[in-house]
Amino acid sequence: MSSQARSSTPVTVVTGAAGAIVAVSWNAAKLPRTGTAAYAASEAAATRYVRCLGLEPAAAGVRCNVVPPGSTETPVQRVLNPVAAAGREAALRGDANTSRVGTPMGRLAEPVDVAEAVSSLLSDAARHITTTDLLVDGGASLRD
């Protein structure tokens, strides 16, 4: 591993030891929104860091991936949108003034949706998936 990765990452790769690392980020790393520049930039940096870091232990069988969820039914979502029903509708519908595209699947994610994506990437079923990000945002980021 690079000296930078060793000094900033509390992970030691033992030869012959396979495993997986999954970081949770935010889909704003890919989808610009007004009022989120600094936070979105930090999430984009974290996403890129994990994806690049994943190249170093790959030969030892260690996979590194990122799960960036979109709007999720959590207490934080409710704080960001104090009027729960209005906030949920705004997240689902989108807002052209803030570059929010809405959620094509018509519902916010639940924490279990994110947890199951992470669990899947940690499992042996994902043994050949590394350095990728698995969006859990109901299509909000509209990637092609």
N, C-alpha and C. Protein backbone atom coordinates (compact mmCIF):
# COMPACT_ATOMS: atom_id res chain seq x y z
N MET A 1 0.83 -1.19 0.00
CA MET A 1 0.00 0.00 0.00
C MET A 1 0.87 1.24 0.00
N SER A 2 0.34 2.32 -0.51
CA SER A 2 1.08 3.57 -0.53
C SER A 2 1.24 4.07 0.90
N SER A 3 2.27 4.89 1.11
CA SER A 3 2.48 5.41 2.46
C SER A 3 1.32 6.31 2.87
N GLN A 4 0.71 7.02 1.91
CA GLN A 4 -0.43 7.87 2.23
C GLN A 4 -1.60 7.02 2.73
N ALA A 5 -1.88 5.94 2.05
CA ALA A 5 -2.99 5.08 2.46
C ALA A 5 -2.71 4.46 3.82
N ARG A 6 -1.48 4.01 4.05
CA ARG A 6 -1.15 3.40 5.33
C ARG A 6 -1.28 4.39 6.47
N SER A 7 -0.90 5.63 6.24
CA SER A 7 -0.93 6.59 7.33
C SER A 7 -2.34 7.10 7.64
N SER A 8 -3.25 7.02 6.68
CA SER A 8 -4.57 7.58 6.92
C SER A 8 -5.68 6.55 7.00
N THR A 9 -5.36 5.29 6.80
CA THR A 9 -6.37 4.25 6.79
C THR A 9 -6.04 3.20 7.84
N PRO A 10 -6.96 2.96 8.79
CA PRO A 10 -6.67 1.98 9.84
C PRO A 10 -6.94 0.55 9.38
N VAL A 11 -6.49 0.19 8.19
CA VAL A 11 -6.71 -1.14 7.65
C VAL A 11 -5.36 -1.74 7.31
N THR A 12 -5.11 -2.92 7.81
CA THR A 12 -3.88 -3.62 7.46
C THR A 12 -4.25 -4.81 6.60
N VAL A 13 -3.58 -4.93 5.45
CA VAL A 13 -3.84 -6.04 4.56
C VAL A 13 -2.83 -7.13 4.86
N VAL A 14 -3.32 -8.29 5.23
CA VAL A 14 -2.48 -9.43 5.52
C VAL A 14 -2.48 -10.32 4.28
N THR A 15 -1.30 -10.68 3.82
CA THR A 15 -1.20 -11.50 2.62
C THR A 15 -2.03 -12.76 2.79
N GLY A 16 -2.86 -13.03 1.81
CA GLY A 16 -3.70 -14.22 1.83
C GLY A 16 -5.03 -14.01 2.52
N ALA A 17 -5.24 -12.83 3.10
CA ALA A 17 -6.50 -12.57 3.80
C ALA A 17 -7.42 -11.77 2.88
N ALA A 18 -8.54 -12.36 2.51
CA ALA A 18 -9.51 -11.66 1.66
C ALA A 18 -10.51 -10.94 2.54
N GLY A 19 -11.19 -9.97 1.98
CA GLY A 19 -12.20 -9.27 2.74
C GLY A 19 -12.82 -8.17 1.91
N ALA A 20 -13.59 -7.33 2.56
CA ALA A 20 -14.27 -6.24 1.85
C ALA A 20 -14.43 -5.04 2.76
N ILE A 21 -14.32 -3.88 2.13
CA ILE A 21 -14.56 -2.60 2.80
C ILE A 21 -15.65 -1.90 2.00
N VAL A 22 -16.67 -1.41 2.69
CA VAL A 22 -17.72 -0.64 2.02
C VAL A 22 -17.89 0.67 2.79
N ALA A 23 -17.72 1.76 2.09
CA ALA A 23 -17.95 3.08 2.68
C ALA A 23 -19.32 3.57 2.23
N VAL A 24 -20.00 4.31 3.11
CA VAL A 24 -21.28 4.90 2.75
C VAL A 24 -21.04 6.39 2.52
N SER A 25 -21.45 6.86 1.35
CA SER A 25 -21.23 8.24 0.94
C SER A 25 -22.59 8.91 0.75
N TRP A 26 -22.77 9.71 -0.29
CA TRP A 26 -24.04 10.37 -0.59
C TRP A 26 -24.10 10.58 -2.09
N ASN A 27 -25.26 10.45 -2.69
CA ASN A 27 -25.35 10.57 -4.14
C ASN A 27 -25.08 12.00 -4.62
N ALA A 28 -25.02 12.97 -3.75
CA ALA A 28 -24.68 14.34 -4.16
C ALA A 28 -23.23 14.43 -4.62
N ALA A 29 -22.45 13.38 -4.37
CA ALA A 29 -21.09 13.34 -4.93
C ALA A 29 -21.17 13.30 -6.45
N LYS A 30 -22.28 12.85 -7.00
CA LYS A 30 -22.48 12.77 -8.44
C LYS A 30 -23.53 13.75 -8.95
N LEU A 31 -24.36 14.24 -8.08
CA LEU A 31 -25.52 15.04 -8.48
C LEU A 31 -25.47 16.40 -7.79
N PRO A 32 -25.13 17.47 -8.51
CA PRO A 32 -25.02 18.78 -7.86
C PRO A 32 -26.36 19.29 -7.36
N ARG A 33 -26.31 19.92 -6.20
CA ARG A 33 -27.48 20.56 -5.61
C ARG A 33 -27.04 21.88 -5.01
N THR A 34 -27.89 22.86 -5.04
CA THR A 34 -27.54 24.14 -4.43
C THR A 34 -27.41 23.97 -2.92
N GLY A 35 -26.51 24.75 -2.35
CA GLY A 35 -26.33 24.75 -0.90
C GLY A 35 -25.57 23.55 -0.35
N THR A 36 -25.00 22.73 -1.20
CA THR A 36 -24.31 21.53 -0.71
C THR A 36 -22.88 21.41 -1.23
N ALA A 37 -22.32 22.48 -1.78
CA ALA A 37 -21.02 22.39 -2.46
C ALA A 37 -19.93 21.75 -1.60
N ALA A 38 -19.71 22.25 -0.41
CA ALA A 38 -18.62 21.73 0.42
C ALA A 38 -18.88 20.27 0.82
N TYR A 39 -20.11 19.99 1.26
CA TYR A 39 -20.43 18.62 1.67
C TYR A 39 -20.36 17.65 0.50
N ALA A 40 -20.91 18.06 -0.64
CA ALA A 40 -20.87 17.20 -1.82
C ALA A 40 -19.43 16.96 -2.27
N ALA A 41 -18.59 17.99 -2.18
CA ALA A 41 -17.18 17.82 -2.55
C ALA A 41 -16.48 16.84 -1.62
N SER A 42 -16.78 16.91 -0.33
CA SER A 42 -16.15 15.97 0.60
C SER A 42 -16.62 14.54 0.34
N GLU A 43 -17.89 14.38 0.00
CA GLU A 43 -18.41 13.04 -0.32
C GLU A 43 -17.79 12.52 -1.62
N ALA A 44 -17.63 13.39 -2.61
CA ALA A 44 -16.98 12.98 -3.87
C ALA A 44 -15.54 12.57 -3.61
N ALA A 45 -14.84 13.32 -2.75
CA ALA A 45 -13.46 12.97 -2.42
C ALA A 45 -13.39 11.63 -1.69
N ALA A 46 -14.29 11.41 -0.76
CA ALA A 46 -14.30 10.13 -0.03
C ALA A 46 -14.60 8.97 -0.97
N THR A 47 -15.54 9.17 -1.89
CA THR A 47 -15.87 8.13 -2.87
C THR A 47 -14.66 7.81 -3.73
N ARG A 48 -14.01 8.82 -4.25
CA ARG A 48 -12.84 8.60 -5.11
C ARG A 48 -11.70 7.96 -4.32
N TYR A 49 -11.51 8.39 -3.07
CA TYR A 49 -10.45 7.82 -2.23
C TYR A 49 -10.65 6.32 -2.07
N VAL A 50 -11.86 5.91 -1.70
CA VAL A 50 -12.12 4.47 -1.49
C VAL A 50 -11.94 3.70 -2.79
N ARG A 51 -12.41 4.26 -3.90
CA ARG A 51 -12.27 3.57 -5.19
C ARG A 51 -10.80 3.42 -5.58
N CYS A 52 -10.01 4.46 -5.38
CA CYS A 52 -8.57 4.37 -5.70
C CYS A 52 -7.86 3.44 -4.72
N LEU A 53 -8.20 3.55 -3.46
CA LEU A 53 -7.59 2.70 -2.45
C LEU A 53 -7.84 1.23 -2.75
N GLY A 54 -8.99 0.94 -3.34
CA GLY A 54 -9.34 -0.44 -3.67
C GLY A 54 -8.38 -1.12 -4.62
N LEU A 55 -7.62 -0.36 -5.38
CA LEU A 55 -6.65 -0.96 -6.30
C LEU A 55 -5.48 -1.60 -5.55
N GLU A 56 -5.13 -1.04 -4.40
CA GLU A 56 -3.94 -1.48 -3.69
C GLU A 56 -4.07 -2.86 -3.05
N PRO A 57 -5.15 -3.19 -2.34
CA PRO A 57 -5.23 -4.52 -1.74
C PRO A 57 -5.95 -5.55 -2.61
N ALA A 58 -6.32 -5.16 -3.84
CA ALA A 58 -7.10 -6.06 -4.69
C ALA A 58 -6.41 -7.40 -4.93
N ALA A 59 -5.11 -7.38 -5.15
CA ALA A 59 -4.38 -8.62 -5.41
C ALA A 59 -4.41 -9.57 -4.20
N ALA A 60 -4.63 -9.00 -3.01
CA ALA A 60 -4.73 -9.82 -1.80
C ALA A 60 -6.16 -10.29 -1.56
N GLY A 61 -7.07 -9.93 -2.47
CA GLY A 61 -8.46 -10.37 -2.33
C GLY A 61 -9.33 -9.44 -1.51
N VAL A 62 -8.86 -8.23 -1.27
CA VAL A 62 -9.66 -7.27 -0.51
C VAL A 62 -10.35 -6.34 -1.49
N ARG A 63 -11.66 -6.24 -1.36
CA ARG A 63 -12.48 -5.40 -2.24
C ARG A 63 -12.89 -4.13 -1.50
N CYS A 64 -12.90 -3.00 -2.22
CA CYS A 64 -13.31 -1.72 -1.65
C CYS A 64 -14.39 -1.11 -2.54
N ASN A 65 -15.55 -0.83 -1.97
CA ASN A 65 -16.66 -0.27 -2.72
C ASN A 65 -17.34 0.84 -1.92
N VAL A 66 -18.21 1.57 -2.58
CA VAL A 66 -18.92 2.68 -1.95
C VAL A 66 -20.42 2.54 -2.24
N VAL A 67 -21.24 2.82 -1.23
CA VAL A 67 -22.69 2.87 -1.40
C VAL A 67 -23.12 4.31 -1.11
N PRO A 68 -23.48 5.07 -2.17
CA PRO A 68 -23.98 6.42 -1.96
C PRO A 68 -25.52 6.47 -2.07
N PRO A 69 -26.20 6.51 -0.93
CA PRO A 69 -27.66 6.60 -0.99
C PRO A 69 -28.12 8.00 -1.34
N GLY A 70 -29.35 8.08 -1.79
CA GLY A 70 -30.02 9.37 -1.98
C GLY A 70 -30.84 9.69 -0.75
N SER A 71 -31.91 10.42 -0.93
CA SER A 71 -32.77 10.78 0.20
C SER A 71 -33.31 9.53 0.87
N THR A 72 -33.13 9.46 2.19
CA THR A 72 -33.48 8.28 2.96
C THR A 72 -34.32 8.70 4.16
N GLU A 73 -35.34 7.91 4.48
CA GLU A 73 -36.21 8.18 5.63
C GLU A 73 -35.41 8.00 6.92
N THR A 74 -34.81 9.09 7.40
CA THR A 74 -34.04 9.07 8.64
C THR A 74 -34.36 10.33 9.43
N PRO A 75 -33.93 10.40 10.69
CA PRO A 75 -34.12 11.64 11.45
C PRO A 75 -33.44 12.84 10.77
N VAL A 76 -32.30 12.62 10.12
CA VAL A 76 -31.62 13.72 9.43
C VAL A 76 -32.50 14.26 8.30
N GLN A 77 -33.12 13.39 7.55
CA GLN A 77 -34.02 13.82 6.47
C GLN A 77 -35.14 14.67 7.04
N ARG A 78 -35.63 14.28 8.22
CA ARG A 78 -36.73 15.03 8.84
C ARG A 78 -36.25 16.39 9.35
N VAL A 79 -35.00 16.49 9.79
CA VAL A 79 -34.45 17.78 10.23
C VAL A 79 -34.26 18.69 9.02
N LEU A 80 -33.76 18.13 7.91
CA LEU A 80 -33.58 18.93 6.70
C LEU A 80 -34.91 19.42 6.16
N ASN A 81 -35.94 18.65 6.37
CA ASN A 81 -37.29 18.99 5.91
C ASN A 81 -38.24 18.88 7.09
N PRO A 82 -38.30 19.92 7.95
CA PRO A 82 -39.09 19.84 9.18
C PRO A 82 -40.56 19.48 8.98
N VAL A 83 -41.14 19.89 7.87
CA VAL A 83 -42.52 19.49 7.59
C VAL A 83 -42.42 18.18 6.82
N ALA A 84 -42.51 17.09 7.55
CA ALA A 84 -42.20 15.76 7.00
C ALA A 84 -42.87 15.48 5.67
N ALA A 85 -44.16 15.66 5.58
CA ALA A 85 -44.87 15.33 4.34
C ALA A 85 -44.40 16.23 3.20
N ALA A 86 -44.23 17.52 3.47
CA ALA A 86 -43.78 18.45 2.42
C ALA A 86 -42.36 18.13 2.00
N GLY A 87 -41.49 17.82 2.97
CA GLY A 87 -40.10 17.47 2.66
C GLY A 87 -40.00 16.20 1.83
N ARG A 88 -40.79 15.20 2.19
CA ARG A 88 -40.80 13.94 1.45
C ARG A 88 -41.28 14.18 0.03
N GLU A 89 -42.35 14.94 -0.12
CA GLU A 89 -42.88 15.24 -1.46
C GLU A 89 -41.87 16.02 -2.29
N ALA A 90 -41.17 16.97 -1.67
CA ALA A 90 -40.18 17.77 -2.40
C ALA A 90 -39.03 16.87 -2.88
N ALA A 91 -38.59 15.94 -2.05
CA ALA A 91 -37.52 15.03 -2.44
C ALA A 91 -37.97 14.10 -3.57
N LEU A 92 -39.21 13.67 -3.51
CA LEU A 92 -39.72 12.77 -4.55
C LEU A 92 -39.97 13.50 -5.86
N ARG A 93 -40.49 14.70 -5.77
CA ARG A 93 -40.88 15.48 -6.95
C ARG A 93 -39.67 16.14 -7.61
N GLY A 94 -38.70 16.59 -6.81
CA GLY A 94 -37.56 17.33 -7.34
C GLY A 94 -37.84 18.81 -7.35
N ASP A 95 -36.83 19.57 -7.70
CA ASP A 95 -36.95 21.03 -7.70
C ASP A 95 -35.94 21.58 -8.69
N ALA A 96 -36.42 22.12 -9.79
CA ALA A 96 -35.53 22.65 -10.84
C ALA A 96 -34.65 23.78 -10.32
N ASN A 97 -35.10 24.51 -9.31
CA ASN A 97 -34.31 25.62 -8.77
C ASN A 97 -33.10 25.16 -7.97
N THR A 98 -33.12 23.93 -7.48
CA THR A 98 -31.99 23.42 -6.70
C THR A 98 -31.27 22.28 -7.42
N SER A 99 -31.61 22.04 -8.66
CA SER A 99 -31.01 20.96 -9.47
C SER A 99 -31.34 19.58 -8.92
N ARG A 100 -32.44 19.47 -8.20
CA ARG A 100 -32.88 18.15 -7.71
C ARG A 100 -33.80 17.55 -8.76
N VAL A 101 -33.51 16.33 -9.15
CA VAL A 101 -34.31 15.69 -10.20
C VAL A 101 -35.47 14.88 -9.65
N GLY A 102 -35.55 14.72 -8.35
CA GLY A 102 -36.61 13.90 -7.78
C GLY A 102 -36.20 12.43 -7.75
N THR A 103 -37.13 11.59 -7.38
CA THR A 103 -36.86 10.15 -7.25
C THR A 103 -37.84 9.39 -8.13
N PRO A 104 -37.39 8.92 -9.30
CA PRO A 104 -38.28 8.24 -10.23
C PRO A 104 -39.03 7.05 -9.64
N MET A 105 -38.47 6.36 -8.65
CA MET A 105 -39.16 5.20 -8.07
C MET A 105 -40.32 5.61 -7.18
N GLY A 106 -40.45 6.91 -6.88
CA GLY A 106 -41.61 7.40 -6.15
C GLY A 106 -41.62 7.18 -4.66
N ARG A 107 -40.48 6.86 -4.08
CA ARG A 107 -40.41 6.74 -2.62
C ARG A 107 -38.99 7.02 -2.17
N LEU A 108 -38.84 7.45 -0.93
CA LEU A 108 -37.51 7.62 -0.36
C LEU A 108 -36.98 6.25 0.04
N ALA A 109 -35.68 6.14 0.08
CA ALA A 109 -35.08 4.90 0.56
C ALA A 109 -35.37 4.76 2.05
N GLU A 110 -35.38 3.56 2.52
CA GLU A 110 -35.44 3.29 3.95
C GLU A 110 -34.04 2.83 4.36
N PRO A 111 -33.65 3.01 5.61
CA PRO A 111 -32.32 2.58 6.04
C PRO A 111 -32.01 1.13 5.67
N VAL A 112 -33.01 0.26 5.69
CA VAL A 112 -32.79 -1.15 5.36
C VAL A 112 -32.37 -1.30 3.90
N ASP A 113 -32.83 -0.42 3.00
CA ASP A 113 -32.42 -0.49 1.60
C ASP A 113 -30.91 -0.28 1.48
N VAL A 114 -30.40 0.68 2.22
CA VAL A 114 -28.97 0.98 2.21
C VAL A 114 -28.20 -0.17 2.87
N ALA A 115 -28.70 -0.64 4.00
CA ALA A 115 -28.04 -1.73 4.73
C ALA A 115 -27.95 -3.00 3.88
N GLU A 116 -28.99 -3.30 3.13
CA GLU A 116 -28.96 -4.51 2.30
C GLU A 116 -27.97 -4.38 1.14
N ALA A 117 -27.83 -3.17 0.59
CA ALA A 117 -26.83 -2.95 -0.46
C ALA A 117 -25.42 -3.15 0.11
N VAL A 118 -25.18 -2.60 1.30
CA VAL A 118 -23.88 -2.76 1.95
C VAL A 118 -23.63 -4.24 2.24
N SER A 119 -24.62 -4.90 2.80
CA SER A 119 -24.50 -6.33 3.11
C SER A 119 -24.18 -7.16 1.87
N SER A 120 -24.83 -6.82 0.79
CA SER A 120 -24.58 -7.53 -0.48
C SER A 120 -23.13 -7.36 -0.93
N LEU A 121 -22.63 -6.13 -0.86
CA LEU A 121 -21.25 -5.88 -1.29
C LEU A 121 -20.23 -6.51 -0.35
N LEU A 122 -20.61 -6.72 0.90
CA LEU A 122 -19.70 -7.38 1.85
C LEU A 122 -19.71 -8.90 1.70
N SER A 123 -20.73 -9.42 1.04
CA SER A 123 -20.89 -10.88 0.95
C SER A 123 -20.03 -11.48 -0.15
N ASP A 124 -19.90 -12.80 -0.10
CA ASP A 124 -19.17 -13.53 -1.14
C ASP A 124 -19.86 -13.45 -2.49
N ALA A 125 -21.14 -13.11 -2.50
CA ALA A 125 -21.86 -12.96 -3.78
C ALA A 125 -21.27 -11.83 -4.61
N ALA A 126 -20.55 -10.91 -3.96
CA ALA A 126 -19.92 -9.78 -4.65
C ALA A 126 -18.41 -9.97 -4.74
N ARG A 127 -17.96 -11.20 -4.75
CA ARG A 127 -16.52 -11.48 -4.67
C ARG A 127 -15.69 -10.94 -5.82
N HIS A 128 -16.33 -10.54 -6.92
CA HIS A 128 -15.58 -9.99 -8.05
C HIS A 128 -15.98 -8.54 -8.34
N ILE A 129 -16.55 -7.87 -7.34
CA ILE A 129 -16.94 -6.47 -7.47
C ILE A 129 -16.04 -5.64 -6.57
N THR A 130 -15.31 -4.73 -7.18
CA THR A 130 -14.45 -3.84 -6.40
C THR A 130 -14.29 -2.50 -7.12
N THR A 131 -13.94 -1.50 -6.36
CA THR A 131 -13.72 -0.13 -6.83
C THR A 131 -14.93 0.45 -7.58
N THR A 132 -16.10 0.16 -7.08
CA THR A 132 -17.30 0.69 -7.72
C THR A 132 -18.18 1.37 -6.69
N ASP A 133 -19.16 2.09 -7.17
CA ASP A 133 -20.16 2.65 -6.26
C ASP A 133 -21.53 2.18 -6.70
N LEU A 134 -22.28 1.71 -5.73
CA LEU A 134 -23.62 1.17 -5.96
C LEU A 134 -24.62 2.19 -5.43
N LEU A 135 -25.22 2.93 -6.35
CA LEU A 135 -26.18 3.97 -5.96
C LEU A 135 -27.47 3.35 -5.45
N VAL A 136 -27.93 3.84 -4.32
CA VAL A 136 -29.20 3.40 -3.73
C VAL A 136 -30.04 4.66 -3.59
N ASP A 137 -30.54 5.15 -4.74
CA ASP A 137 -31.23 6.44 -4.72
C ASP A 137 -32.52 6.45 -5.53
N GLY A 138 -33.04 5.29 -5.86
CA GLY A 138 -34.30 5.22 -6.59
C GLY A 138 -34.28 5.88 -7.96
N GLY A 139 -33.08 6.02 -8.54
CA GLY A 139 -32.93 6.62 -9.86
C GLY A 139 -32.72 8.12 -9.83
N ALA A 140 -32.56 8.71 -8.65
CA ALA A 140 -32.42 10.17 -8.54
C ALA A 140 -31.21 10.72 -9.27
N SER A 141 -30.16 9.94 -9.38
CA SER A 141 -28.96 10.46 -10.03
C SER A 141 -28.98 10.29 -11.55
N LEU A 142 -29.94 9.54 -12.06
CA LEU A 142 -30.14 9.39 -13.51
C LEU A 142 -28.85 9.15 -14.28
N ARG A 143 -28.08 8.16 -13.84
CA ARG A 143 -26.83 7.83 -14.55
C ARG A 143 -27.16 7.11 -15.84
N ASP A 144 -26.34 7.35 -16.87
CA ASP A 144 -26.54 6.58 -18.09
C ASP A 144 -25.48 5.54 -18.25
